[in-house]
């Protein structure tokens, strides 16, 4: 798949809240995730654990808006606006930018900015 095809497919799956499916279909096994605080995780297993903890901290995702991807070479970026309720918290949200690097038809790096 091309970078644009991967970006388009990822957005389609994430818009349906199929985050795990997107990761396992489109990401390399040794993918690196760098959070906005520079904390790094490596590998699909680590990302799966991160997602399980994150999803377990929420009561509900009320809304998710995902921009069209901006593709340049083997990189793409996507802006997301989240509306969620975390357990024991009032409904709220945040905006994030994800930047992704693709090599050999798989995402090898995801980096988040808040």
PDB file of N, CA and C in Angstrom:
ATOM      1  N   UNK A   1       0.843  -1.184   0.000  1.00  0.00           N
ATOM      2  CA  UNK A   1       0.000   0.000   0.000  1.00  0.00           C
ATOM      3  C   UNK A   1       0.885   1.243   0.000  1.00  0.00           C
ATOM      4  N   UNK A   2       0.394   2.271  -0.625  1.00  0.00           N
ATOM      5  CA  UNK A   2       1.097   3.544  -0.618  1.00  0.00           C
ATOM      6  C   UNK A   2       0.812   4.282   0.694  1.00  0.00           C
ATOM      7  N   UNK A   3       1.582   5.318   0.951  1.00  0.00           N
ATOM      8  CA  UNK A   3       1.357   6.127   2.149  1.00  0.00           C
ATOM      9  C   UNK A   3      -0.053   6.696   2.144  1.00  0.00           C
ATOM     10  N   UNK A   4      -0.503   7.187   1.003  1.00  0.00           N
ATOM     11  CA  UNK A   4      -1.848   7.754   0.924  1.00  0.00           C
ATOM     12  C   UNK A   4      -2.915   6.691   1.187  1.00  0.00           C
ATOM     13  N   UNK A   5      -2.728   5.501   0.646  1.00  0.00           N
ATOM     14  CA  UNK A   5      -3.696   4.423   0.868  1.00  0.00           C
ATOM     15  C   UNK A   5      -3.742   4.031   2.342  1.00  0.00           C
ATOM     16  N   UNK A   6      -2.586   3.956   2.979  1.00  0.00           N
ATOM     17  CA  UNK A   6      -2.532   3.625   4.395  1.00  0.00           C
ATOM     18  C   UNK A   6      -3.237   4.704   5.212  1.00  0.00           C
ATOM     19  N   UNK A   7      -2.965   5.968   4.900  1.00  0.00           N
ATOM     20  CA  UNK A   7      -3.601   7.075   5.626  1.00  0.00           C
ATOM     21  C   UNK A   7      -5.118   7.023   5.471  1.00  0.00           C
ATOM     22  N   UNK A   8      -5.589   6.817   4.274  1.00  0.00           N
ATOM     23  CA  UNK A   8      -7.029   6.770   4.000  1.00  0.00           C
ATOM     24  C   UNK A   8      -7.683   5.599   4.728  1.00  0.00           C
ATOM     25  N   UNK A   9      -7.038   4.449   4.697  1.00  0.00           N
ATOM     26  CA  UNK A   9      -7.577   3.264   5.371  1.00  0.00           C
ATOM     27  C   UNK A   9      -7.596   3.464   6.890  1.00  0.00           C
ATOM     28  N   UNK A  10      -6.521   4.041   7.437  1.00  0.00           N
ATOM     29  CA  UNK A  10      -6.464   4.260   8.871  1.00  0.00           C
ATOM     30  C   UNK A  10      -7.587   5.191   9.323  1.00  0.00           C
ATOM     31  N   UNK A  11      -7.802   6.263   8.592  1.00  0.00           N
ATOM     32  CA  UNK A  11      -8.861   7.204   8.942  1.00  0.00           C
ATOM     33  C   UNK A  11     -10.227   6.525   8.883  1.00  0.00           C
ATOM     34  N   UNK A  12     -10.451   5.711   7.861  1.00  0.00           N
ATOM     35  CA  UNK A  12     -11.733   5.019   7.732  1.00  0.00           C
ATOM     36  C   UNK A  12     -11.980   4.100   8.931  1.00  0.00           C
ATOM     37  N   UNK A  13     -10.968   3.345   9.335  1.00  0.00           N
ATOM     38  CA  UNK A  13     -11.133   2.439  10.472  1.00  0.00           C
ATOM     39  C   UNK A  13     -11.289   3.202  11.785  1.00  0.00           C
ATOM     40  N   UNK A  14     -10.475   4.232  11.987  1.00  0.00           N
ATOM     41  CA  UNK A  14     -10.549   5.003  13.239  1.00  0.00           C
ATOM     42  C   UNK A  14     -11.868   5.759  13.358  1.00  0.00           C
ATOM     43  N   UNK A  15     -12.414   6.217  12.246  1.00  0.00           N
ATOM     44  CA  UNK A  15     -13.709   6.902  12.275  1.00  0.00           C
ATOM     45  C   UNK A  15     -14.811   5.968  12.770  1.00  0.00           C
ATOM     46  N   UNK A  16     -14.604   4.659  12.581  1.00  0.00           N
ATOM     47  CA  UNK A  16     -15.550   3.644  13.071  1.00  0.00           C
ATOM     48  C   UNK A  16     -15.140   3.142  14.462  1.00  0.00           C
ATOM     49  N   UNK A  17     -14.124   3.795  15.054  1.00  0.00           N
ATOM     50  CA  UNK A  17     -13.567   3.431  16.363  1.00  0.00           C
ATOM     51  C   UNK A  17     -12.964   2.033  16.361  1.00  0.00           C
ATOM     52  N   UNK A  18     -12.443   1.625  15.218  1.00  0.00           N
ATOM     53  CA  UNK A  18     -11.761   0.336  15.069  1.00  0.00           C
ATOM     54  C   UNK A  18     -10.248   0.570  15.171  1.00  0.00           C
ATOM     55  N   UNK A  19      -9.841   1.067  16.331  1.00  0.00           N
ATOM     56  CA  UNK A  19      -8.446   1.458  16.531  1.00  0.00           C
ATOM     57  C   UNK A  19      -7.508   0.250  16.500  1.00  0.00           C
ATOM     58  N   UNK A  20      -7.883  -0.820  17.166  1.00  0.00           N
ATOM     59  CA  UNK A  20      -7.048  -2.016  17.208  1.00  0.00           C
ATOM     60  C   UNK A  20      -6.917  -2.639  15.817  1.00  0.00           C
ATOM     61  N   UNK A  21      -8.019  -2.699  15.092  1.00  0.00           N
ATOM     62  CA  UNK A  21      -7.991  -3.260  13.747  1.00  0.00           C
ATOM     63  C   UNK A  21      -7.070  -2.450  12.845  1.00  0.00           C
ATOM     64  N   UNK A  22      -7.133  -1.141  12.962  1.00  0.00           N
ATOM     65  CA  UNK A  22      -6.273  -0.272  12.149  1.00  0.00           C
ATOM     66  C   UNK A  22      -4.809  -0.546  12.458  1.00  0.00           C
ATOM     67  N   UNK A  23      -4.497  -0.635  13.724  1.00  0.00           N
ATOM     68  CA  UNK A  23      -3.106  -0.846  14.137  1.00  0.00           C
ATOM     69  C   UNK A  23      -2.586  -2.187  13.626  1.00  0.00           C
ATOM     70  N   UNK A  24      -3.360  -3.248  13.808  1.00  0.00           N
ATOM     71  CA  UNK A  24      -2.886  -4.577  13.425  1.00  0.00           C
ATOM     72  C   UNK A  24      -2.841  -4.773  11.912  1.00  0.00           C
ATOM     73  N   UNK A  25      -3.649  -4.053  11.185  1.00  0.00           N
ATOM     74  CA  UNK A  25      -3.628  -4.156   9.727  1.00  0.00           C
ATOM     75  C   UNK A  25      -2.525  -3.300   9.114  1.00  0.00           C
ATOM     76  N   UNK A  26      -2.274  -2.126   9.677  1.00  0.00           N
ATOM     77  CA  UNK A  26      -1.458  -1.128   9.000  1.00  0.00           C
ATOM     78  C   UNK A  26      -0.094  -0.856   9.634  1.00  0.00           C
ATOM     79  N   UNK A  27       0.130  -1.291  10.852  1.00  0.00           N
ATOM     80  CA  UNK A  27       1.371  -0.969  11.552  1.00  0.00           C
ATOM     81  C   UNK A  27       2.353  -2.138  11.503  1.00  0.00           C
ATOM     82  N   UNK A  28       3.647  -1.804  11.461  1.00  0.00           N
ATOM     83  CA  UNK A  28       4.704  -2.805  11.552  1.00  0.00           C
ATOM     84  C   UNK A  28       4.733  -3.377  12.967  1.00  0.00           C
ATOM     85  N   UNK A  29       5.176  -4.602  13.110  1.00  0.00           N
ATOM     86  CA  UNK A  29       5.231  -5.241  14.431  1.00  0.00           C
ATOM     87  C   UNK A  29       6.119  -4.480  15.399  1.00  0.00           C
ATOM     88  N   UNK A  30       7.159  -3.840  14.903  1.00  0.00           N
ATOM     89  CA  UNK A  30       8.106  -3.102  15.753  1.00  0.00           C
ATOM     90  C   UNK A  30       7.866  -1.587  15.687  1.00  0.00           C
ATOM     91  N   UNK A  31       6.647  -1.173  15.448  1.00  0.00           N
ATOM     92  CA  UNK A  31       6.294   0.246  15.379  1.00  0.00           C
ATOM     93  C   UNK A  31       6.735   0.958  16.658  1.00  0.00           C
ATOM     94  N   UNK A  32       7.113   2.215  16.513  1.00  0.00           N
ATOM     95  CA  UNK A  32       7.473   3.051  17.655  1.00  0.00           C
ATOM     96  C   UNK A  32       6.405   4.127  17.803  1.00  0.00           C
ATOM     97  N   UNK A  33       5.940   4.315  19.032  1.00  0.00           N
ATOM     98  CA  UNK A  33       4.980   5.368  19.346  1.00  0.00           C
ATOM     99  C   UNK A  33       5.661   6.357  20.274  1.00  0.00           C
ATOM    100  N   UNK A  34       5.635   7.634  19.888  1.00  0.00           N
ATOM    101  CA  UNK A  34       6.184   8.681  20.741  1.00  0.00           C
ATOM    102  C   UNK A  34       5.055   9.626  21.122  1.00  0.00           C
ATOM    103  N   UNK A  35       4.782   9.681  22.417  1.00  0.00           N
ATOM    104  CA  UNK A  35       3.732  10.557  22.925  1.00  0.00           C
ATOM    105  C   UNK A  35       4.236  11.997  22.998  1.00  0.00           C
ATOM    106  N   UNK A  36       3.330  12.908  23.251  1.00  0.00           N
ATOM    107  CA  UNK A  36       3.675  14.333  23.310  1.00  0.00           C
ATOM    108  C   UNK A  36       4.679  14.636  24.416  1.00  0.00           C
ATOM    109  N   UNK A  37       4.697  13.812  25.469  1.00  0.00           N
ATOM    110  CA  UNK A  37       5.654  14.014  26.563  1.00  0.00           C
ATOM    111  C   UNK A  37       6.991  13.322  26.292  1.00  0.00           C
ATOM    112  N   UNK A  38       7.199  12.839  25.063  1.00  0.00           N
ATOM    113  CA  UNK A  38       8.399  12.144  24.595  1.00  0.00           C
ATOM    114  C   UNK A  38       8.540  10.721  25.123  1.00  0.00           C
ATOM    115  N   UNK A  39       7.544  10.219  25.860  1.00  0.00           N
ATOM    116  CA  UNK A  39       7.555   8.819  26.274  1.00  0.00           C
ATOM    117  C   UNK A  39       7.427   7.960  25.018  1.00  0.00           C
ATOM    118  N   UNK A  40       8.268   6.917  24.911  1.00  0.00           N
ATOM    119  CA  UNK A  40       8.242   6.054  23.736  1.00  0.00           C
ATOM    120  C   UNK A  40       7.841   4.635  24.109  1.00  0.00           C
ATOM    121  N   UNK A  41       7.067   4.036  23.224  1.00  0.00           N
ATOM    122  CA  UNK A  41       6.695   2.634  23.320  1.00  0.00           C
ATOM    123  C   UNK A  41       7.117   1.967  22.026  1.00  0.00           C
ATOM    124  N   UNK A  42       7.475   0.689  22.100  1.00  0.00           N
ATOM    125  CA  UNK A  42       7.887  -0.013  20.894  1.00  0.00           C
ATOM    126  C   UNK A  42       7.153  -1.337  20.789  1.00  0.00           C
ATOM    127  N   UNK A  43       6.580  -1.581  19.624  1.00  0.00           N
ATOM    128  CA  UNK A  43       5.937  -2.845  19.313  1.00  0.00           C
ATOM    129  C   UNK A  43       4.436  -2.825  19.469  1.00  0.00           C
ATOM    130  N   UNK A  44       3.783  -3.680  18.692  1.00  0.00           N
ATOM    131  CA  UNK A  44       2.318  -3.749  18.717  1.00  0.00           C
ATOM    132  C   UNK A  44       1.789  -4.159  20.081  1.00  0.00           C
ATOM    133  N   UNK A  45       2.470  -5.055  20.770  1.00  0.00           N
ATOM    134  CA  UNK A  45       2.000  -5.477  22.095  1.00  0.00           C
ATOM    135  C   UNK A  45       1.952  -4.306  23.063  1.00  0.00           C
ATOM    136  N   UNK A  46       2.984  -3.467  23.045  1.00  0.00           N
ATOM    137  CA  UNK A  46       3.014  -2.293  23.935  1.00  0.00           C
ATOM    138  C   UNK A  46       1.891  -1.327  23.579  1.00  0.00           C
ATOM    139  N   UNK A  47       1.637  -1.139  22.274  1.00  0.00           N
ATOM    140  CA  UNK A  47       0.563  -0.240  21.857  1.00  0.00           C
ATOM    141  C   UNK A  47      -0.803  -0.811  22.208  1.00  0.00           C
ATOM    142  N   UNK A  48      -0.956  -2.132  22.127  1.00  0.00           N
ATOM    143  CA  UNK A  48      -2.210  -2.768  22.530  1.00  0.00           C
ATOM    144  C   UNK A  48      -2.482  -2.532  24.015  1.00  0.00           C
ATOM    145  N   UNK A  49      -1.452  -2.696  24.856  1.00  0.00           N
ATOM    146  CA  UNK A  49      -1.607  -2.480  26.298  1.00  0.00           C
ATOM    147  C   UNK A  49      -1.956  -1.027  26.590  1.00  0.00           C
ATOM    148  N   UNK A  50      -1.313  -0.106  25.879  1.00  0.00           N
ATOM    149  CA  UNK A  50      -1.606   1.322  26.060  1.00  0.00           C
ATOM    150  C   UNK A  50      -3.065   1.600  25.724  1.00  0.00           C
ATOM    151  N   UNK A  51      -3.542   1.045  24.607  1.00  0.00           N
ATOM    152  CA  UNK A  51      -4.921   1.279  24.199  1.00  0.00           C
ATOM    153  C   UNK A  51      -5.905   0.672  25.193  1.00  0.00           C
ATOM    154  N   UNK A  52      -5.625  -0.524  25.684  1.00  0.00           N
ATOM    155  CA  UNK A  52      -6.517  -1.159  26.657  1.00  0.00           C
ATOM    156  C   UNK A  52      -6.642  -0.314  27.913  1.00  0.00           C
ATOM    157  N   UNK A  53      -5.527   0.214  28.387  1.00  0.00           N
ATOM    158  CA  UNK A  53      -5.555   1.070  29.582  1.00  0.00           C
ATOM    159  C   UNK A  53      -6.324   2.353  29.298  1.00  0.00           C
ATOM    160  N   UNK A  54      -6.083   2.943  28.145  1.00  0.00           N
ATOM    161  CA  UNK A  54      -6.745   4.199  27.772  1.00  0.00           C
ATOM    162  C   UNK A  54      -8.250   3.985  27.636  1.00  0.00           C
ATOM    163  N   UNK A  55      -8.643   2.947  26.910  1.00  0.00           N
ATOM    164  CA  UNK A  55     -10.074   2.681  26.721  1.00  0.00           C
ATOM    165  C   UNK A  55     -10.734   2.327  28.056  1.00  0.00           C
ATOM    166  N   UNK A  56     -10.010   1.653  28.926  1.00  0.00           N
ATOM    167  CA  UNK A  56     -10.547   1.302  30.233  1.00  0.00           C
ATOM    168  C   UNK A  56     -10.738   2.495  31.153  1.00  0.00           C
ATOM    169  N   UNK A  57     -10.079   3.616  30.833  1.00  0.00           N
ATOM    170  CA  UNK A  57     -10.211   4.820  31.658  1.00  0.00           C
ATOM    171  C   UNK A  57     -11.401   5.685  31.239  1.00  0.00           C
ATOM    172  N   UNK A  58     -12.067   5.307  30.157  1.00  0.00           N
ATOM    173  CA  UNK A  58     -13.169   6.115  29.634  1.00  0.00           C
ATOM    174  C   UNK A  58     -14.522   5.471  29.873  1.00  0.00           C
ATOM    175  N   UNK A  59     -15.498   6.327  30.098  1.00  0.00           N
ATOM    176  CA  UNK A  59     -16.878   5.858  30.128  1.00  0.00           C
ATOM    177  C   UNK A  59     -17.452   5.820  28.721  1.00  0.00           C
ATOM    178  N   UNK A  60     -17.141   6.881  27.930  1.00  0.00           N
ATOM    179  CA  UNK A  60     -17.764   6.959  26.615  1.00  0.00           C
ATOM    180  C   UNK A  60     -16.983   7.908  25.707  1.00  0.00           C
ATOM    181  N   UNK A  61     -16.908   7.533  24.435  1.00  0.00           N
ATOM    182  CA  UNK A  61     -16.432   8.452  23.395  1.00  0.00           C
ATOM    183  C   UNK A  61     -17.688   9.043  22.763  1.00  0.00           C
ATOM    184  N   UNK A  62     -17.913  10.339  22.973  1.00  0.00           N
ATOM    185  CA  UNK A  62     -19.111  10.989  22.447  1.00  0.00           C
ATOM    186  C   UNK A  62     -18.926  11.387  20.990  1.00  0.00           C
ATOM    187  N   UNK A  63     -17.714  11.751  20.637  1.00  0.00           N
ATOM    188  CA  UNK A  63     -17.468  12.183  19.275  1.00  0.00           C
ATOM    189  C   UNK A  63     -15.992  12.152  18.940  1.00  0.00           C
ATOM    190  N   UNK A  64     -15.725  11.951  17.668  1.00  0.00           N
ATOM    191  CA  UNK A  64     -14.362  11.956  17.153  1.00  0.00           C
ATOM    192  C   UNK A  64     -14.400  12.527  15.746  1.00  0.00           C
ATOM    193  N   UNK A  65     -13.699  13.628  15.553  1.00  0.00           N
ATOM    194  CA  UNK A  65     -13.586  14.232  14.220  1.00  0.00           C
ATOM    195  C   UNK A  65     -12.154  14.043  13.756  1.00  0.00           C
ATOM    196  N   UNK A  66     -12.002  13.513  12.549  1.00  0.00           N
ATOM    197  CA  UNK A  66     -10.682  13.237  11.988  1.00  0.00           C
ATOM    198  C   UNK A  66     -10.548  14.001  10.675  1.00  0.00           C
ATOM    199  N   UNK A  67      -9.460  14.728  10.541  1.00  0.00           N
ATOM    200  CA  UNK A  67      -9.228  15.495   9.321  1.00  0.00           C
ATOM    201  C   UNK A  67      -8.842  14.565   8.173  1.00  0.00           C
ATOM    202  N   UNK A  68      -8.846  15.110   6.988  1.00  0.00           N
ATOM    203  CA  UNK A  68      -8.264  14.396   5.854  1.00  0.00           C
ATOM    204  C   UNK A  68      -6.752  14.376   6.074  1.00  0.00           C
ATOM    205  N   UNK A  69      -6.086  13.349   5.572  1.00  0.00           N
ATOM    206  CA  UNK A  69      -4.647  13.281   5.800  1.00  0.00           C
ATOM    207  C   UNK A  69      -3.877  14.270   4.922  1.00  0.00           C
ATOM    208  N   UNK A  70      -2.778  14.738   5.471  1.00  0.00           N
ATOM    209  CA  UNK A  70      -1.820  15.529   4.717  1.00  0.00           C
ATOM    210  C   UNK A  70      -0.652  14.588   4.455  1.00  0.00           C
ATOM    211  N   UNK A  71      -0.426  14.232   3.197  1.00  0.00           N
ATOM    212  CA  UNK A  71       0.585  13.243   2.827  1.00  0.00           C
ATOM    213  C   UNK A  71       1.749  13.936   2.143  1.00  0.00           C
ATOM    214  N   UNK A  72       2.970  13.558   2.567  1.00  0.00           N
ATOM    215  CA  UNK A  72       4.184  14.085   1.959  1.00  0.00           C
ATOM    216  C   UNK A  72       5.229  12.976   1.988  1.00  0.00           C
ATOM    217  N   UNK A  73       5.505  12.409   0.830  1.00  0.00           N
ATOM    218  CA  UNK A  73       6.473  11.321   0.761  1.00  0.00           C
ATOM    219  C   UNK A  73       6.002  10.133   1.564  1.00  0.00           C
ATOM    220  N   UNK A  74       6.847   9.672   2.504  1.00  0.00           N
ATOM    221  CA  UNK A  74       6.460   8.521   3.313  1.00  0.00           C
ATOM    222  C   UNK A  74       5.936   8.930   4.691  1.00  0.00           C
ATOM    223  N   UNK A  75       5.467  10.184   4.795  1.00  0.00           N
ATOM    224  CA  UNK A  75       4.860  10.679   6.036  1.00  0.00           C
ATOM    225  C   UNK A  75       3.430  11.149   5.768  1.00  0.00           C
ATOM    226  N   UNK A  76       2.585  11.050   6.790  1.00  0.00           N
ATOM    227  CA  UNK A  76       1.274  11.693   6.724  1.00  0.00           C
ATOM    228  C   UNK A  76       0.914  12.177   8.116  1.00  0.00           C
ATOM    229  N   UNK A  77       0.059  13.186   8.151  1.00  0.00           N
ATOM    230  CA  UNK A  77      -0.414  13.720   9.427  1.00  0.00           C
ATOM    231  C   UNK A  77      -1.933  13.799   9.402  1.00  0.00           C
ATOM    232  N   UNK A  78      -2.504  13.705  10.599  1.00  0.00           N
ATOM    233  CA  UNK A  78      -3.949  13.733  10.771  1.00  0.00           C
ATOM    234  C   UNK A  78      -4.251  14.518  12.038  1.00  0.00           C
ATOM    235  N   UNK A  79      -5.232  15.407  11.978  1.00  0.00           N
ATOM    236  CA  UNK A  79      -5.692  16.138  13.162  1.00  0.00           C
ATOM    237  C   UNK A  79      -6.973  15.485  13.668  1.00  0.00           C
ATOM    238  N   UNK A  80      -7.054  15.309  14.983  1.00  0.00           N
ATOM    239  CA  UNK A  80      -8.238  14.697  15.599  1.00  0.00           C
ATOM    240  C   UNK A  80      -8.773  15.600  16.703  1.00  0.00           C
ATOM    241  N   UNK A  81     -10.091  15.654  16.803  1.00  0.00           N
ATOM    242  CA  UNK A  81     -10.761  16.337  17.898  1.00  0.00           C
ATOM    243  C   UNK A  81     -11.617  15.307  18.616  1.00  0.00           C
ATOM    244  N   UNK A  82     -11.332  15.127  19.901  1.00  0.00           N
ATOM    245  CA  UNK A  82     -11.998  14.116  20.718  1.00  0.00           C
ATOM    246  C   UNK A  82     -12.985  14.768  21.677  1.00  0.00           C
ATOM    247  N   UNK A  83     -14.128  14.116  21.886  1.00  0.00           N
ATOM    248  CA  UNK A  83     -15.114  14.498  22.897  1.00  0.00           C
ATOM    249  C   UNK A  83     -15.395  13.228  23.688  1.00  0.00           C
ATOM    250  N   UNK A  84     -14.921  13.182  24.946  1.00  0.00           N
ATOM    251  CA  UNK A  84     -15.010  11.958  25.743  1.00  0.00           C
ATOM    252  C   UNK A  84     -15.421  12.260  27.175  1.00  0.00           C
ATOM    253  N   UNK A  85     -15.850  11.203  27.855  1.00  0.00           N
ATOM    254  CA  UNK A  85     -16.053  11.260  29.299  1.00  0.00           C
ATOM    255  C   UNK A  85     -15.165  10.191  29.917  1.00  0.00           C
ATOM    256  N   UNK A  86     -14.196  10.634  30.728  1.00  0.00           N
ATOM    257  CA  UNK A  86     -13.367   9.712  31.494  1.00  0.00           C
ATOM    258  C   UNK A  86     -14.115   9.349  32.775  1.00  0.00           C
ATOM    259  N   UNK A  87     -13.840   8.178  33.292  1.00  0.00           N
ATOM    260  CA  UNK A  87     -14.490   7.715  34.520  1.00  0.00           C
ATOM    261  C   UNK A  87     -14.263   8.720  35.638  1.00  0.00           C
ATOM    262  N   UNK A  88     -15.374   9.128  36.280  1.00  0.00           N
ATOM    263  CA  UNK A  88     -15.309  10.060  37.397  1.00  0.00           C
ATOM    264  C   UNK A  88     -15.014  11.494  37.011  1.00  0.00           C
ATOM    265  N   UNK A  89     -15.067  11.813  35.724  1.00  0.00           N
ATOM    266  CA  UNK A  89     -14.760  13.165  35.251  1.00  0.00           C
ATOM    267  C   UNK A  89     -15.934  13.703  34.434  1.00  0.00           C
ATOM    268  N   UNK A  90     -16.028  15.021  34.298  1.00  0.00           N
ATOM    269  CA  UNK A  90     -17.059  15.573  33.418  1.00  0.00           C
ATOM    270  C   UNK A  90     -16.665  15.359  31.950  1.00  0.00           C
ATOM    271  N   UNK A  91     -17.641  15.444  31.100  1.00  0.00           N
ATOM    272  CA  UNK A  91     -17.390  15.320  29.668  1.00  0.00           C
ATOM    273  C   UNK A  91     -16.447  16.430  29.229  1.00  0.00           C
ATOM    274  N   UNK A  92     -15.496  16.093  28.378  1.00  0.00           N
ATOM    275  CA  UNK A  92     -14.528  17.072  27.883  1.00  0.00           C
ATOM    276  C   UNK A  92     -13.853  16.550  26.631  1.00  0.00           C
ATOM    277  N   UNK A  93     -12.790  17.213  26.260  1.00  0.00           N
ATOM    278  CA  UNK A  93     -12.128  16.771  25.054  1.00  0.00           C
ATOM    279  C   UNK A  93     -10.784  17.413  24.863  1.00  0.00           C
ATOM    280  N   UNK A  94     -10.170  17.101  23.749  1.00  0.00           N
ATOM    281  CA  UNK A  94      -8.872  17.669  23.395  1.00  0.00           C
ATOM    282  C   UNK A  94      -8.665  17.528  21.899  1.00  0.00           C
ATOM    283  N   UNK A  95      -7.646  18.221  21.419  1.00  0.00           N
ATOM    284  CA  UNK A  95      -7.238  18.138  20.016  1.00  0.00           C
ATOM    285  C   UNK A  95      -5.827  17.583  19.979  1.00  0.00           C
ATOM    286  N   UNK A  96      -5.575  16.755  18.976  1.00  0.00           N
ATOM    287  CA  UNK A  96      -4.243  16.201  18.819  1.00  0.00           C
ATOM    288  C   UNK A  96      -3.872  16.138  17.343  1.00  0.00           C
ATOM    289  N   UNK A  97      -2.586  16.108  17.103  1.00  0.00           N
ATOM    290  CA  UNK A  97      -2.054  15.918  15.756  1.00  0.00           C
ATOM    291  C   UNK A  97      -1.220  14.651  15.800  1.00  0.00           C
ATOM    292  N   UNK A  98      -1.465  13.754  14.880  1.00  0.00           N
ATOM    293  CA  UNK A  98      -0.661  12.544  14.754  1.00  0.00           C
ATOM    294  C   UNK A  98       0.153  12.615  13.482  1.00  0.00           C
ATOM    295  N   UNK A  99       1.426  12.296  13.588  1.00  0.00           N
ATOM    296  CA  UNK A  99       2.314  12.234  12.431  1.00  0.00           C
ATOM    297  C   UNK A  99       2.797  10.796  12.327  1.00  0.00           C
ATOM    298  N   UNK A 100       2.742  10.247  11.135  1.00  0.00           N
ATOM    299  CA  UNK A 100       3.036   8.838  10.909  1.00  0.00           C
ATOM    300  C   UNK A 100       4.071   8.696   9.804  1.00  0.00           C
ATOM    301  N   UNK A 101       4.987   7.749  10.000  1.00  0.00           N
ATOM    302  CA  UNK A 101       5.987   7.433   8.980  1.00  0.00           C
ATOM    303  C   UNK A 101       5.708   6.029   8.466  1.00  0.00           C
ATOM    304  N   UNK A 102       5.782   5.870   7.151  1.00  0.00           N
ATOM    305  CA  UNK A 102       5.509   4.590   6.504  1.00  0.00           C
ATOM    306  C   UNK A 102       6.780   4.100   5.806  1.00  0.00           C
ATOM    307  N   UNK A 103       7.091   2.823   6.028  1.00  0.00           N
ATOM    308  CA  UNK A 103       8.187   2.153   5.316  1.00  0.00           C
ATOM    309  C   UNK A 103       7.729   0.751   4.959  1.00  0.00           C
ATOM    310  N   UNK A 104       8.033   0.344   3.741  1.00  0.00           N
ATOM    311  CA  UNK A 104       7.688  -1.007   3.273  1.00  0.00           C
ATOM    312  C   UNK A 104       6.212  -1.325   3.474  1.00  0.00           C
ATOM    313  N   UNK A 105       5.346  -0.328   3.248  1.00  0.00           N
ATOM    314  CA  UNK A 105       3.907  -0.544   3.293  1.00  0.00           C
ATOM    315  C   UNK A 105       3.300  -0.663   4.679  1.00  0.00           C
ATOM    316  N   UNK A 106       4.046  -0.259   5.728  1.00  0.00           N
ATOM    317  CA  UNK A 106       3.531  -0.318   7.096  1.00  0.00           C
ATOM    318  C   UNK A 106       3.931   0.947   7.853  1.00  0.00           C
ATOM    319  N   UNK A 107       3.106   1.342   8.826  1.00  0.00           N
ATOM    320  CA  UNK A 107       3.450   2.467   9.701  1.00  0.00           C
ATOM    321  C   UNK A 107       4.538   1.989  10.657  1.00  0.00           C
ATOM    322  N   UNK A 108       5.658   2.711  10.684  1.00  0.00           N
ATOM    323  CA  UNK A 108       6.776   2.342  11.566  1.00  0.00           C
ATOM    324  C   UNK A 108       6.954   3.326  12.723  1.00  0.00           C
ATOM    325  N   UNK A 109       6.319   4.494  12.613  1.00  0.00           N
ATOM    326  CA  UNK A 109       6.414   5.507  13.660  1.00  0.00           C
ATOM    327  C   UNK A 109       5.115   6.285  13.724  1.00  0.00           C
ATOM    328  N   UNK A 110       4.628   6.476  14.951  1.00  0.00           N
ATOM    329  CA  UNK A 110       3.521   7.400  15.184  1.00  0.00           C
ATOM    330  C   UNK A 110       3.971   8.344  16.282  1.00  0.00           C
ATOM    331  N   UNK A 111       3.705   9.626  16.062  1.00  0.00           N
ATOM    332  CA  UNK A 111       4.121  10.638  17.025  1.00  0.00           C
ATOM    333  C   UNK A 111       2.947  11.582  17.236  1.00  0.00           C
ATOM    334  N   UNK A 112       2.657  11.871  18.519  1.00  0.00           N
ATOM    335  CA  UNK A 112       1.497  12.703  18.846  1.00  0.00           C
ATOM    336  C   UNK A 112       1.911  14.057  19.401  1.00  0.00           C
ATOM    337  N   UNK A 113       1.118  15.054  19.051  1.00  0.00           N
ATOM    338  CA  UNK A 113       1.267  16.411  19.549  1.00  0.00           C
ATOM    339  C   UNK A 113      -0.094  16.856  20.062  1.00  0.00           C
ATOM    340  N   UNK A 114      -0.119  17.421  21.280  1.00  0.00           N
ATOM    341  CA  UNK A 114      -1.373  17.904  21.879  1.00  0.00           C
ATOM    342  C   UNK A 114      -1.313  19.382  22.066  1.00  0.00           C
TER     343      UNK A 114
END
